[in-house]
Amino acid sequence: MHERALTDFRAGDRSAVVRNLALAFGATHESIESWMEFAGFDNLRVLRDGERPAACLLQIAMGQYFGGVSVPMLGVAGVAVAPEDRGRGHARALMHAFVPEAAAAGWPLAGLYASTHTLYRGVGFEHAGYRFRHTIPFAQLAARETRGRVVPLADDDRPEVRACHAAFGALHDGALDRGPYIWHRIHKFRGVEYLGFGARDDDGRLAGYLYLHQSQRSLGVFDILLSDLAFTEAWAGRRLIEFLANFAMAGVDLVFHGGPTHPLFELLPQQRQRSELLDSWLLRIVDVPRALAARGYSPAVHADVHLDVDDPLVPANHGRFVLRVQGGQAVVEPGGRGDLRTTARGLACMYSGYATPAQAAVLGLVSGEPAVLRAAAGVFAGGTPWMSDMF
């Protein structure tokens, strides 16, 4: 085997990369070309076996909310190896090169949805949150609201939509602070256009919105699929429910994505939705001090956590750190007693709130005295982490 190296995408790689992605995801070359055109071929990283492109991945710059604060996160998608090259360790080499490279570039976090969890856990990623598909029969949609109105949204409204999403996302650990790539998929995904509607108060302020597509079941009946749904006040949520309920004469099901629960459910008179777990997404703490200092914490917590982190892929992460939390913010210093011993995987699931330190200890990802585990649980406490977006 030739020497393998992770490099930038080159123009001459295009046909090989498109072929590999098409074969990895069961897609047409045309659909892959369309995907990469808006994602940006320049955002691809290519693993070379000698000079030949052997594997690739797509990097997506965005953020993720933890403790009410957006933390920079580098999304990973489009991991592909040609079928004839599989089983030769290319995907493992790709990820082993990617993680230190992302750390050197200053990213605190990396995240992905895994097709094979063993591969990504082997480089320090761990389950950190949920994505569910929710289905509500239109017969169950009911709400009455006198405040505000629902209006169509145009391109000029997008800055307000994004501000509304940011306010909504900050309330939910794990929600994405979207970049252009994700927002593109909200408005148009796989050739399907989604129409926007917003809940505005009597002064014209946007307090909620949704993007919908009517998916035909048969002649005269349809489901409504939402690519996005957010609201920052209860009246706006009720207005959106009332708006959707008006499709009931031909609508069968409302379908959208979120966590194990969703704020919309709490505004319905009955909870009759069907919820299906689609994925548990994975997180990697790429830069331990930056990641710990960047997220938000409860302002009621004043505590020190003495960490001993095992991270063989990123030497700067390996060792002891003191996390000092006060007033909702944190500083991270090297050293300390190392009371809470954790792998990179254990730190990821604690960081997001997917598992408490004691729960991670049962999985063999964390160790420490019971009092230490309980104290750390208070520091990382938050809501159930989830996101509605797939990338």
Foldseek 3Di string as FASTA:
>chain_A
DADKDKAFDDPVCLVVLLVQLCVVVVHDSVLSVVLCVQLPSRQKIFIDRPNHGFWIKGWFWWFFAAQLFTATEIEIDSTGGHPVCPPVCPSLVVLLNVLQVCVVVPHQKYWAFDPDVVSVVVQQKAQAAFKKKKKDWLVQQDFDFDWFAKDWDDPVCVVLVLVLVSLQRSQFFAAINDDPSQVVCQQANPRFGWTKMFTAGPVGRTFWMWTWDWADPDPQATEIETSDTGGHDLSRLRNVSVVSSVNNVRYTMYMFMKHPDDVSQVRTPDRPMDMDTDGRMIMFRSQVQSLLQRHWWDQVDFDKAWAQEDRPSHVNRHGIKIWTDHRGGTGIDGDDDRQKYFYRHLCSNLQRVVDQQVRVVVVVGIDHDPVSSVSSSNGSDDDRHMYRDHD
